[in-house]
Structure formats: C-alpha cells, structure tokens
Amino acid sequence: MTTEAIFQTQLIQKAWEDPSFKAKLVRDPKSAIQEVLGVRIPDHIEVRTLEEQPNELYLV
C-alpha cells in the first residue's frame, strides 16, 4: 500500500468516526489534512473533496 493510500484511508476512517471532522474535511480539506496527518499541502496544490451518494460512483 502506498503512503498516499494509507493517508487516504486514515482520513476516511476519521471522517466516518467524527462528523465534525468530516464537515471540516469537505469545507477545508487542507486544514483538515494538516490537523490529522500533520502534513501541510502547499498553496499551489488544489485539494477537492467529494462525497459519494448511494447512487453515485467516482473513479479517479
């Protein structure tokens, strides 16, 4: 498993367990990532969050 996949899994797990964190992750993903993982994402990198609905599937 890559480091990116591990980080993503940790973020998703935290979002499932903590509704307030999930809201922050959707609203301000860079700040939420820094809070949980201690990783600061540079300003020139854009981070987007999407929440799948039961009738949707996102492939990236």
Protein backbone atom coordinates (compact mmCIF):
# COMPACT_ATOMS: atom_id res chain seq x y z
CA MET A 1 0.00 0.00 0.00
CA THR A 2 1.37 3.42 -0.94
CA THR A 3 1.83 6.24 1.52
CA GLU A 4 -0.91 8.16 -0.31
CA ALA A 5 -3.33 5.24 0.07
CA ILE A 6 -2.51 4.95 3.78
CA PHE A 7 -3.14 8.67 4.32
CA GLN A 8 -6.40 8.48 2.37
CA THR A 9 -7.56 5.50 4.43
CA GLN A 10 -6.75 7.34 7.66
CA LEU A 11 -8.71 10.41 6.55
CA ILE A 12 -11.73 8.37 5.51
CA GLN A 13 -11.71 6.42 8.77
CA LYS A 14 -11.55 9.65 10.80
CA ALA A 15 -14.41 11.15 8.72
CA TRP A 16 -16.59 8.09 9.37
CA GLU A 17 -15.94 8.29 13.10
CA ASP A 18 -16.15 12.06 13.58
CA PRO A 19 -18.95 14.06 11.87
CA SER A 20 -17.36 17.40 12.77
CA PHE A 21 -14.09 16.33 11.16
CA LYS A 22 -15.99 15.14 8.09
CA ALA A 23 -17.63 18.56 7.77
CA LYS A 24 -14.22 20.24 8.06
CA LEU A 25 -12.70 17.86 5.51
CA VAL A 26 -15.40 18.77 2.99
CA ARG A 27 -15.24 22.51 3.79
CA ASP A 28 -11.45 22.97 4.19
CA PRO A 29 -9.58 19.81 3.19
CA LYS A 30 -6.05 21.23 3.51
CA SER A 31 -6.62 22.32 7.09
CA ALA A 32 -8.27 19.00 7.98
CA ILE A 33 -5.39 17.03 6.45
CA GLN A 34 -2.85 19.06 8.38
CA GLU A 35 -4.84 18.56 11.59
CA VAL A 36 -4.98 14.75 11.31
CA LEU A 37 -1.81 13.85 9.45
CA GLY A 38 0.44 16.79 10.26
CA VAL A 39 1.03 17.27 6.54
CA ARG A 40 0.95 20.80 5.12
CA ILE A 41 -0.11 20.87 1.48
CA PRO A 42 1.48 23.73 -0.50
CA ASP A 43 -0.73 26.58 -1.68
CA HIS A 44 -0.18 25.76 -5.36
CA ILE A 45 -1.83 22.34 -4.93
CA GLU A 46 -5.62 22.21 -5.02
CA VAL A 47 -7.42 19.61 -2.92
CA ARG A 48 -11.05 18.74 -3.63
CA THR A 49 -13.35 16.53 -1.62
CA LEU A 50 -16.44 14.81 -2.94
CA GLU A 51 -18.94 12.75 -1.02
CA GLU A 52 -20.44 9.86 -2.96
CA GLN A 53 -24.15 9.36 -2.70
CA PRO A 54 -25.66 5.85 -2.74
CA ASN A 55 -26.45 6.17 -6.45
CA GLU A 56 -23.01 7.51 -7.47
CA LEU A 57 -19.56 6.10 -8.09
CA TYR A 58 -16.45 8.19 -8.59
CA LEU A 59 -13.36 6.78 -10.29
CA VAL A 60 -10.16 8.79 -10.08
